[in-house]
Amino acid sequence: MHPLLRAIVGRRVPALMGVLNITPDSFSDGGAFLAPDQALAQARRMIAEGADIIDIGAESTRPYGATPVSADDEMQRLRPILKQVIALGTPVSIDSMKAGVTAWALDQGAAIANDVWGLQRDPDMARVVAERGVPVIIMHNRDAADAGIDIVADMQAFFARSLEIAASAGIPDASIVLDPGIGFGKTPRQSMNALTRLNELASFGLPLLVGASRKKFIDSVSPAPPQQRIGGSLAAHLLAARNGARIIRAHDVAATVQALRVQAAIEDAT
């Protein structure tokens, strides 16, 4: 396993990836951290609360209604803050579907590539990751939800294709994390089904990351605006951890870290 991944996922309690959106239109915190001082303060806060990784993105990847951003605009948003967040000393992942942006961020010192299209959208992404020798998060995605499909079977086929692309580019399995993409190209029921069947992805033999934080499927069960979905987020993440997730991606770091630690302690006490 890549040394960075070994350090992050080799512990009893799942690692915590804190979300830092440098965007005006992300679904739950758009505009909150556009200013560099606000973004840096939020990164410091998440690290103090227990984040093991800071995932920074400058283009909203929400499934519906996001405004496309050019690579130049994406980098323009990142330039005032990226190096300052990296300098805090906690590994930084770059959340981008563009190979050019990912390459630039990795060259600035970001440590992980996070591609919401699993190496299948930008044909240059796999080469960028391979050349820099960094871990990559391969997320399952679809252009549109289809309620009639078996979503886990669809994930398995998608990941098999992504792993072929990775192998052809020279990315070793030891550098790969799989993400089921909760809320992306899925109905609320499919997102919940993916969480309950997460252990079916264990056949790939790779670490799993789950990001269910504030997602819309929570609203379908218990209606609430994104900032008021912490209870649903915790329920989903605790289930994901029990079903094999080794990294949890969340907005509400302190509460999620506490929940994961208490869950592990309770399991150890039985």
C-alpha atoms as a PDB file:
ATOM      1  CA  MET A   1       0.000   0.000   0.000  1.00  0.00           C
ATOM      2  CA  HIS A   2       1.162   3.548  -0.744  1.00  0.00           C
ATOM      3  CA  PRO A   3       2.880   4.867   2.432  1.00  0.00           C
ATOM      4  CA  LEU A   4       0.445   7.762   2.793  1.00  0.00           C
ATOM      5  CA  LEU A   5      -2.569   5.479   2.510  1.00  0.00           C
ATOM      6  CA  ARG A   6      -1.027   3.021   4.964  1.00  0.00           C
ATOM      7  CA  ALA A   7      -0.629   5.812   7.506  1.00  0.00           C
ATOM      8  CA  ILE A   8      -4.198   7.016   6.964  1.00  0.00           C
ATOM      9  CA  VAL A   9      -6.189   3.784   6.766  1.00  0.00           C
ATOM     10  CA  GLY A  10      -4.101   1.453   8.915  1.00  0.00           C
ATOM     11  CA  ARG A  11      -5.768   2.368  12.199  1.00  0.00           C
ATOM     12  CA  ARG A  12      -8.697   0.966  14.150  1.00  0.00           C
ATOM     13  CA  VAL A  13     -10.895   4.042  13.622  1.00  0.00           C
ATOM     14  CA  PRO A  14     -11.624   5.178  10.051  1.00  0.00           C
ATOM     15  CA  ALA A  15      -9.759   8.264   8.901  1.00  0.00           C
ATOM     16  CA  LEU A  16     -11.644  11.526   8.532  1.00  0.00           C
ATOM     17  CA  MET A  17     -11.490  13.639   5.381  1.00  0.00           C
ATOM     18  CA  GLY A  18     -12.704  17.186   5.999  1.00  0.00           C
ATOM     19  CA  VAL A  19     -14.510  18.980   3.169  1.00  0.00           C
ATOM     20  CA  LEU A  20     -13.279  22.443   2.156  1.00  0.00           C
ATOM     21  CA  ASN A  21     -15.278  23.891  -0.737  1.00  0.00           C
ATOM     22  CA  ILE A  22     -13.805  27.017  -2.325  1.00  0.00           C
ATOM     23  CA  THR A  23     -16.961  27.502  -4.379  1.00  0.00           C
ATOM     24  CA  PRO A  24     -19.968  29.814  -4.573  1.00  0.00           C
ATOM     25  CA  ASP A  25     -22.466  27.039  -5.350  1.00  0.00           C
ATOM     26  CA  SER A  26     -21.692  23.826  -3.467  1.00  0.00           C
ATOM     27  CA  PHE A  27     -24.938  22.319  -2.232  1.00  0.00           C
ATOM     28  CA  SER A  28     -24.428  22.789   1.515  1.00  0.00           C
ATOM     29  CA  ASP A  29     -21.786  25.467   2.060  1.00  0.00           C
ATOM     30  CA  GLY A  30     -21.432  27.345  -1.217  1.00  0.00           C
ATOM     31  CA  GLY A  31     -19.853  30.754  -0.708  1.00  0.00           C
ATOM     32  CA  ALA A  32     -18.946  30.163   2.933  1.00  0.00           C
ATOM     33  CA  PHE A  33     -15.212  29.758   2.318  1.00  0.00           C
ATOM     34  CA  LEU A  34     -14.491  31.682  -0.866  1.00  0.00           C
ATOM     35  CA  ALA A  35     -12.368  34.260   0.970  1.00  0.00           C
ATOM     36  CA  PRO A  36      -8.838  32.939   1.663  1.00  0.00           C
ATOM     37  CA  ASP A  37      -8.914  33.876   5.340  1.00  0.00           C
ATOM     38  CA  GLN A  38     -12.213  32.064   5.839  1.00  0.00           C
ATOM     39  CA  ALA A  39     -10.956  28.989   3.986  1.00  0.00           C
ATOM     40  CA  LEU A  40      -7.726  28.866   5.987  1.00  0.00           C
ATOM     41  CA  ALA A  41      -9.615  29.284   9.263  1.00  0.00           C
ATOM     42  CA  GLN A  42     -11.929  26.431   8.322  1.00  0.00           C
ATOM     43  CA  ALA A  43      -8.993  24.173   7.426  1.00  0.00           C
ATOM     44  CA  ARG A  44      -7.364  24.911  10.781  1.00  0.00           C
ATOM     45  CA  ARG A  45     -10.650  24.250  12.567  1.00  0.00           C
ATOM     46  CA  MET A  46     -11.132  20.878  10.874  1.00  0.00           C
ATOM     47  CA  ILE A  47      -7.568  19.804  11.634  1.00  0.00           C
ATOM     48  CA  ALA A  48      -8.011  20.777  15.290  1.00  0.00           C
ATOM     49  CA  GLU A  49     -11.222  18.731  15.358  1.00  0.00           C
ATOM     50  CA  GLY A  50      -9.441  15.628  14.100  1.00  0.00           C
ATOM     51  CA  ALA A  51      -9.381  15.707  10.284  1.00  0.00           C
ATOM     52  CA  ASP A  52      -6.700  13.424   8.826  1.00  0.00           C
ATOM     53  CA  ILE A  53      -7.055  14.842   5.292  1.00  0.00           C
ATOM     54  CA  ILE A  54      -8.336  18.140   3.946  1.00  0.00           C
ATOM     55  CA  ASP A  55     -10.199  17.725   0.653  1.00  0.00           C
ATOM     56  CA  ILE A  56     -10.183  21.023  -1.198  1.00  0.00           C
ATOM     57  CA  GLY A  57     -12.268  21.702  -4.289  1.00  0.00           C
ATOM     58  CA  ALA A  58     -12.916  24.799  -6.356  1.00  0.00           C
ATOM     59  CA  GLU A  59     -15.745  23.563  -8.573  1.00  0.00           C
ATOM     60  CA  SER A  60     -19.056  22.290  -7.299  1.00  0.00           C
ATOM     61  CA  THR A  61     -19.547  18.673  -8.305  1.00  0.00           C
ATOM     62  CA  ARG A  62     -23.116  18.428  -7.028  1.00  0.00           C
ATOM     63  CA  PRO A  63     -25.125  16.290  -9.438  1.00  0.00           C
ATOM     64  CA  TYR A  64     -27.702  18.916 -10.426  1.00  0.00           C
ATOM     65  CA  GLY A  65     -27.519  22.656 -10.962  1.00  0.00           C
ATOM     66  CA  ALA A  66     -23.787  23.251 -10.584  1.00  0.00           C
ATOM     67  CA  THR A  67     -22.228  25.879 -12.840  1.00  0.00           C
ATOM     68  CA  PRO A  68     -19.339  24.509 -14.949  1.00  0.00           C
ATOM     69  CA  VAL A  69     -16.011  26.178 -14.213  1.00  0.00           C
ATOM     70  CA  SER A  70     -13.013  26.464 -16.514  1.00  0.00           C
ATOM     71  CA  ALA A  71      -9.656  25.087 -15.435  1.00  0.00           C
ATOM     72  CA  ASP A  72      -8.289  28.637 -15.263  1.00  0.00           C
ATOM     73  CA  ASP A  73     -11.130  29.782 -12.999  1.00  0.00           C
ATOM     74  CA  GLU A  74     -10.731  26.715 -10.805  1.00  0.00           C
ATOM     75  CA  MET A  75      -7.015  27.394 -10.329  1.00  0.00           C
ATOM     76  CA  GLN A  76      -7.702  31.090  -9.768  1.00  0.00           C
ATOM     77  CA  ARG A  77      -9.898  30.175  -6.806  1.00  0.00           C
ATOM     78  CA  LEU A  78      -7.271  27.799  -5.450  1.00  0.00           C
ATOM     79  CA  ARG A  79      -4.167  29.981  -5.842  1.00  0.00           C
ATOM     80  CA  PRO A  80      -4.700  32.249  -2.809  1.00  0.00           C
ATOM     81  CA  ILE A  81      -5.329  29.355  -0.413  1.00  0.00           C
ATOM     82  CA  LEU A  82      -3.923  26.009  -1.573  1.00  0.00           C
ATOM     83  CA  LYS A  83      -0.318  26.459  -0.457  1.00  0.00           C
ATOM     84  CA  GLN A  84      -1.448  27.911   2.873  1.00  0.00           C
ATOM     85  CA  VAL A  85      -3.605  24.862   3.586  1.00  0.00           C
ATOM     86  CA  ILE A  86      -0.805  22.502   2.518  1.00  0.00           C
ATOM     87  CA  ALA A  87       1.563  24.347   4.860  1.00  0.00           C
ATOM     88  CA  LEU A  88      -0.610  23.345   7.833  1.00  0.00           C
ATOM     89  CA  GLY A  89       0.961  19.893   7.555  1.00  0.00           C
ATOM     90  CA  THR A  90      -2.116  17.700   7.119  1.00  0.00           C
ATOM     91  CA  PRO A  91      -2.321  15.837   3.776  1.00  0.00           C
ATOM     92  CA  VAL A  92      -4.411  17.679   1.210  1.00  0.00           C
ATOM     93  CA  SER A  93      -6.438  16.024  -1.527  1.00  0.00           C
ATOM     94  CA  ILE A  94      -7.457  17.945  -4.631  1.00  0.00           C
ATOM     95  CA  ASP A  95     -11.088  17.419  -5.570  1.00  0.00           C
ATOM     96  CA  SER A  96     -11.139  18.043  -9.313  1.00  0.00           C
ATOM     97  CA  MET A  97     -12.331  16.234 -12.420  1.00  0.00           C
ATOM     98  CA  LYS A  98      -9.817  18.115 -14.597  1.00  0.00           C
ATOM     99  CA  ALA A  99      -6.353  16.656 -15.191  1.00  0.00           C
ATOM    100  CA  GLY A 100      -4.790  20.088 -15.657  1.00  0.00           C
ATOM    101  CA  VAL A 101      -6.071  21.390 -12.334  1.00  0.00           C
ATOM    102  CA  THR A 102      -5.111  18.163 -10.579  1.00  0.00           C
ATOM    103  CA  ALA A 103      -1.577  18.269 -12.041  1.00  0.00           C
ATOM    104  CA  TRP A 104      -1.120  21.887 -10.961  1.00  0.00           C
ATOM    105  CA  ALA A 105      -2.398  21.226  -7.428  1.00  0.00           C
ATOM    106  CA  LEU A 106      -0.225  18.139  -6.999  1.00  0.00           C
ATOM    107  CA  ASP A 107       2.778  20.138  -8.165  1.00  0.00           C
ATOM    108  CA  GLN A 108       1.963  22.714  -5.470  1.00  0.00           C
ATOM    109  CA  GLY A 109       2.149  19.997  -2.823  1.00  0.00           C
ATOM    110  CA  ALA A 110      -1.290  18.388  -2.680  1.00  0.00           C
ATOM    111  CA  ALA A 111      -0.850  14.714  -1.792  1.00  0.00           C
ATOM    112  CA  ILE A 112      -3.930  12.932  -3.165  1.00  0.00           C
ATOM    113  CA  ALA A 113      -6.025  13.159  -6.337  1.00  0.00           C
ATOM    114  CA  ASN A 114      -9.807  12.895  -5.845  1.00  0.00           C
ATOM    115  CA  ASP A 115     -11.633  12.330  -9.143  1.00  0.00           C
ATOM    116  CA  VAL A 116     -15.428  12.224  -9.020  1.00  0.00           C
ATOM    117  CA  TRP A 117     -15.427  10.570 -12.448  1.00  0.00           C
ATOM    118  CA  GLY A 118     -13.078   7.751 -11.522  1.00  0.00           C
ATOM    119  CA  LEU A 119     -10.452   8.397 -14.260  1.00  0.00           C
ATOM    120  CA  GLN A 120     -13.173   8.034 -16.901  1.00  0.00           C
ATOM    121  CA  ARG A 121     -14.030  11.642 -17.797  1.00  0.00           C
ATOM    122  CA  ASP A 122     -10.708  13.402 -18.478  1.00  0.00           C
ATOM    123  CA  PRO A 123      -8.520  11.093 -20.595  1.00  0.00           C
ATOM    124  CA  ASP A 124      -5.350  12.654 -19.176  1.00  0.00           C
ATOM    125  CA  MET A 125      -6.182  12.151 -15.497  1.00  0.00           C
ATOM    126  CA  ALA A 126      -4.689   8.677 -15.135  1.00  0.00           C
ATOM    127  CA  ARG A 127      -1.397   9.796 -16.666  1.00  0.00           C
ATOM    128  CA  VAL A 128      -1.188  12.775 -14.303  1.00  0.00           C
ATOM    129  CA  VAL A 129      -1.728  10.549 -11.265  1.00  0.00           C
ATOM    130  CA  ALA A 130       0.713   7.888 -12.466  1.00  0.00           C
ATOM    131  CA  GLU A 131       3.492  10.349 -13.231  1.00  0.00           C
ATOM    132  CA  ARG A 132       3.272  11.946  -9.798  1.00  0.00           C
ATOM    133  CA  GLY A 133       3.004   8.684  -7.904  1.00  0.00           C
ATOM    134  CA  VAL A 134       0.215   9.855  -5.592  1.00  0.00           C
ATOM    135  CA  PRO A 135      -2.818   8.037  -4.227  1.00  0.00           C
ATOM    136  CA  VAL A 136      -6.047   8.498  -6.163  1.00  0.00           C
ATOM    137  CA  ILE A 137      -9.668   8.292  -5.060  1.00  0.00           C
ATOM    138  CA  ILE A 138     -11.778   6.711  -7.793  1.00  0.00           C
ATOM    139  CA  MET A 139     -15.435   7.626  -7.362  1.00  0.00           C
ATOM    140  CA  HIS A 140     -18.407   5.958  -9.018  1.00  0.00           C
ATOM    141  CA  ASN A 141     -20.593   8.332 -10.993  1.00  0.00           C
ATOM    142  CA  ARG A 142     -23.315   8.361 -13.605  1.00  0.00           C
ATOM    143  CA  ASP A 143     -24.643  11.089 -15.896  1.00  0.00           C
ATOM    144  CA  ALA A 144     -28.165  10.369 -14.633  1.00  0.00           C
ATOM    145  CA  ALA A 145     -29.867   8.170 -12.108  1.00  0.00           C
ATOM    146  CA  ASP A 146     -31.687   5.069 -13.321  1.00  0.00           C
ATOM    147  CA  ALA A 147     -33.991   3.608 -10.695  1.00  0.00           C
ATOM    148  CA  GLY A 148     -34.216   0.321 -12.595  1.00  0.00           C
ATOM    149  CA  ILE A 149     -30.603  -0.796 -12.246  1.00  0.00           C
ATOM    150  CA  ASP A 150     -28.755  -2.730  -9.558  1.00  0.00           C
ATOM    151  CA  ILE A 151     -26.576   0.125  -8.336  1.00  0.00           C
ATOM    152  CA  VAL A 152     -23.923  -2.077  -6.734  1.00  0.00           C
ATOM    153  CA  ALA A 153     -23.556  -4.133  -9.912  1.00  0.00           C
ATOM    154  CA  ASP A 154     -23.188  -0.845 -11.798  1.00  0.00           C
ATOM    155  CA  MET A 155     -20.467   0.249  -9.367  1.00  0.00           C
ATOM    156  CA  GLN A 156     -18.622  -3.028  -9.773  1.00  0.00           C
ATOM    157  CA  ALA A 157     -18.595  -2.669 -13.564  1.00  0.00           C
ATOM    158  CA  PHE A 158     -17.569   0.987 -13.324  1.00  0.00           C
ATOM    159  CA  PHE A 159     -14.721   0.253 -10.924  1.00  0.00           C
ATOM    160  CA  ALA A 160     -13.494  -2.637 -13.079  1.00  0.00           C
ATOM    161  CA  ARG A 161     -13.223  -0.221 -16.007  1.00  0.00           C
ATOM    162  CA  SER A 162     -11.502   2.443 -13.881  1.00  0.00           C
ATOM    163  CA  LEU A 163      -8.977  -0.092 -12.619  1.00  0.00           C
ATOM    164  CA  GLU A 164      -8.202  -1.120 -16.201  1.00  0.00           C
ATOM    165  CA  ILE A 165      -7.513   2.529 -17.023  1.00  0.00           C
ATOM    166  CA  ALA A 166      -5.364   2.886 -13.921  1.00  0.00           C
ATOM    167  CA  ALA A 167      -3.342  -0.237 -14.697  1.00  0.00           C
ATOM    168  CA  SER A 168      -2.778   0.842 -18.299  1.00  0.00           C
ATOM    169  CA  ALA A 169      -1.438   4.191 -17.087  1.00  0.00           C
ATOM    170  CA  GLY A 170       0.851   2.569 -14.504  1.00  0.00           C
ATOM    171  CA  ILE A 171      -1.105   3.406 -11.342  1.00  0.00           C
ATOM    172  CA  PRO A 172      -0.585   0.541  -8.872  1.00  0.00           C
ATOM    173  CA  ASP A 173      -3.533  -0.896  -6.961  1.00  0.00           C
ATOM    174  CA  ALA A 174      -1.643   0.062  -3.796  1.00  0.00           C
ATOM    175  CA  SER A 175      -2.354   3.728  -4.581  1.00  0.00           C
ATOM    176  CA  ILE A 176      -6.109   3.425  -5.156  1.00  0.00           C
ATOM    177  CA  VAL A 177      -9.119   4.145  -2.950  1.00  0.00           C
ATOM    178  CA  LEU A 178     -12.668   3.407  -4.144  1.00  0.00           C
ATOM    179  CA  ASP A 179     -15.616   5.710  -3.405  1.00  0.00           C
ATOM    180  CA  PRO A 180     -19.206   4.542  -4.122  1.00  0.00           C
ATOM    181  CA  GLY A 181     -20.239   8.135  -4.843  1.00  0.00           C
ATOM    182  CA  ILE A 182     -23.219   8.430  -2.532  1.00  0.00           C
ATOM    183  CA  GLY A 183     -25.715  10.838  -4.095  1.00  0.00           C
ATOM    184  CA  PHE A 184     -24.048  10.924  -7.515  1.00  0.00           C
ATOM    185  CA  GLY A 185     -26.137   9.482 -10.346  1.00  0.00           C
ATOM    186  CA  LYS A 186     -28.271   7.601  -7.838  1.00  0.00           C
ATOM    187  CA  THR A 187     -31.777   7.794  -6.485  1.00  0.00           C
ATOM    188  CA  PRO A 188     -32.040   8.276  -2.712  1.00  0.00           C
ATOM    189  CA  ARG A 189     -32.980   4.610  -2.377  1.00  0.00           C
ATOM    190  CA  GLN A 190     -29.943   3.551  -4.412  1.00  0.00           C
ATOM    191  CA  SER A 191     -27.652   5.653  -2.219  1.00  0.00           C
ATOM    192  CA  MET A 192     -29.039   3.923   0.859  1.00  0.00           C
ATOM    193  CA  ASN A 193     -28.784   0.518  -0.840  1.00  0.00           C
ATOM    194  CA  ALA A 194     -25.143   1.237  -1.655  1.00  0.00           C
ATOM    195  CA  LEU A 195     -24.436   1.923   2.015  1.00  0.00           C
ATOM    196  CA  THR A 196     -26.050  -1.309   3.179  1.00  0.00           C
ATOM    197  CA  ARG A 197     -24.185  -3.332   0.534  1.00  0.00           C
ATOM    198  CA  LEU A 198     -20.846  -1.587   0.824  1.00  0.00           C
ATOM    199  CA  ASN A 199     -19.079  -4.791   1.840  1.00  0.00           C
ATOM    200  CA  GLU A 200     -19.817  -6.223  -1.614  1.00  0.00           C
ATOM    201  CA  LEU A 201     -17.065  -3.928  -2.903  1.00  0.00           C
ATOM    202  CA  ALA A 202     -14.522  -5.677  -0.669  1.00  0.00           C
ATOM    203  CA  SER A 203     -13.796  -8.081  -3.514  1.00  0.00           C
ATOM    204  CA  PHE A 204     -11.614  -5.379  -5.081  1.00  0.00           C
ATOM    205  CA  GLY A 205      -9.288  -5.546  -2.080  1.00  0.00           C
ATOM    206  CA  LEU A 206      -8.941  -1.755  -1.927  1.00  0.00           C
ATOM    207  CA  PRO A 207      -9.705   0.805   0.800  1.00  0.00           C
ATOM    208  CA  LEU A 208     -13.167   2.341   0.621  1.00  0.00           C
ATOM    209  CA  LEU A 209     -14.088   5.979   1.174  1.00  0.00           C
ATOM    210  CA  VAL A 210     -17.656   7.078   1.872  1.00  0.00           C
ATOM    211  CA  GLY A 211     -18.956  10.631   1.758  1.00  0.00           C
ATOM    212  CA  ALA A 212     -22.630  10.713   2.768  1.00  0.00           C
ATOM    213  CA  SER A 213     -22.356  14.054   4.542  1.00  0.00           C
ATOM    214  CA  ARG A 214     -25.499  16.199   4.253  1.00  0.00           C
ATOM    215  CA  LYS A 215     -26.580  14.342   1.100  1.00  0.00           C
ATOM    216  CA  LYS A 216     -30.073  14.611  -0.346  1.00  0.00           C
ATOM    217  CA  PHE A 217     -31.059  11.031   0.465  1.00  0.00           C
ATOM    218  CA  ILE A 218     -31.160  12.124   4.126  1.00  0.00           C
ATOM    219  CA  ASP A 219     -33.762  14.750   3.206  1.00  0.00           C
ATOM    220  CA  SER A 220     -35.857  12.045   1.506  1.00  0.00           C
ATOM    221  CA  VAL A 221     -36.169  10.250   4.852  1.00  0.00           C
ATOM    222  CA  SER A 222     -36.217  13.181   7.271  1.00  0.00           C
ATOM    223  CA  PRO A 223     -36.732  16.520   5.475  1.00  0.00           C
ATOM    224  CA  ALA A 224     -34.214  19.163   6.481  1.00  0.00           C
ATOM    225  CA  PRO A 225     -31.920  21.707   4.796  1.00  0.00           C
ATOM    226  CA  PRO A 226     -28.326  20.539   4.258  1.00  0.00           C
ATOM    227  CA  GLN A 227     -26.889  22.220   7.358  1.00  0.00           C
ATOM    228  CA  GLN A 228     -29.450  20.402   9.524  1.00  0.00           C
ATOM    229  CA  ARG A 229     -28.677  16.882   8.289  1.00  0.00           C
ATOM    230  CA  ILE A 230     -25.931  16.047  10.771  1.00  0.00           C
ATOM    231  CA  GLY A 231     -27.930  13.295  12.439  1.00  0.00           C
ATOM    232  CA  GLY A 232     -28.577  11.556   9.143  1.00  0.00           C
ATOM    233  CA  SER A 233     -24.962  12.038   8.112  1.00  0.00           C
ATOM    234  CA  LEU A 234     -23.722  10.386  11.305  1.00  0.00           C
ATOM    235  CA  ALA A 235     -26.132   7.466  10.914  1.00  0.00           C
ATOM    236  CA  ALA A 236     -24.922   6.856   7.361  1.00  0.00           C
ATOM    237  CA  HIS A 237     -21.256   7.180   8.232  1.00  0.00           C
ATOM    238  CA  LEU A 238     -21.447   4.839  11.206  1.00  0.00           C
ATOM    239  CA  LEU A 239     -23.117   2.234   9.005  1.00  0.00           C
ATOM    240  CA  ALA A 240     -20.455   2.768   6.349  1.00  0.00           C
ATOM    241  CA  ALA A 241     -17.702   2.275   8.921  1.00  0.00           C
ATOM    242  CA  ARG A 242     -19.286  -0.970  10.109  1.00  0.00           C
ATOM    243  CA  ASN A 243     -19.525  -2.140   6.499  1.00  0.00           C
ATOM    244  CA  GLY A 244     -15.861  -1.545   5.745  1.00  0.00           C
ATOM    245  CA  ALA A 245     -15.255   2.136   4.948  1.00  0.00           C
ATOM    246  CA  ARG A 246     -11.744   3.176   5.966  1.00  0.00           C
ATOM    247  CA  ILE A 247     -12.099   6.888   5.149  1.00  0.00           C
ATOM    248  CA  ILE A 248     -15.143   9.050   5.905  1.00  0.00           C
ATOM    249  CA  ARG A 249     -15.569  12.349   4.053  1.00  0.00           C
ATOM    250  CA  ALA A 250     -17.564  14.859   6.098  1.00  0.00           C
ATOM    251  CA  HIS A 251     -18.380  18.528   6.603  1.00  0.00           C
ATOM    252  CA  ASP A 252     -19.057  18.210  10.346  1.00  0.00           C
ATOM    253  CA  VAL A 253     -15.673  16.971  11.491  1.00  0.00           C
ATOM    254  CA  ALA A 254     -15.869  17.130  15.287  1.00  0.00           C
ATOM    255  CA  ALA A 255     -19.183  15.286  15.554  1.00  0.00           C
ATOM    256  CA  THR A 256     -18.132  12.660  13.015  1.00  0.00           C
ATOM    257  CA  VAL A 257     -14.777  11.992  14.677  1.00  0.00           C
ATOM    258  CA  GLN A 258     -16.501  11.601  18.047  1.00  0.00           C
ATOM    259  CA  ALA A 259     -19.103   9.228  16.616  1.00  0.00           C
ATOM    260  CA  LEU A 260     -16.509   7.046  14.895  1.00  0.00           C
ATOM    261  CA  ARG A 261     -14.331   6.867  18.004  1.00  0.00           C
ATOM    262  CA  VAL A 262     -17.238   5.967  20.265  1.00  0.00           C
ATOM    263  CA  GLN A 263     -18.481   3.345  17.851  1.00  0.00           C
ATOM    264  CA  ALA A 264     -15.038   1.709  17.747  1.00  0.00           C
ATOM    265  CA  ALA A 265     -14.742   1.830  21.535  1.00  0.00           C
ATOM    266  CA  ILE A 266     -18.143   0.199  21.992  1.00  0.00           C
ATOM    267  CA  GLU A 267     -17.249  -2.552  19.523  1.00  0.00           C
ATOM    268  CA  ASP A 268     -13.949  -3.148  21.304  1.00  0.00           C
ATOM    269  CA  ALA A 269     -15.743  -3.435  24.632  1.00  0.00           C
ATOM    270  CA  THR A 270     -18.083  -6.207  23.524  1.00  0.00           C
END
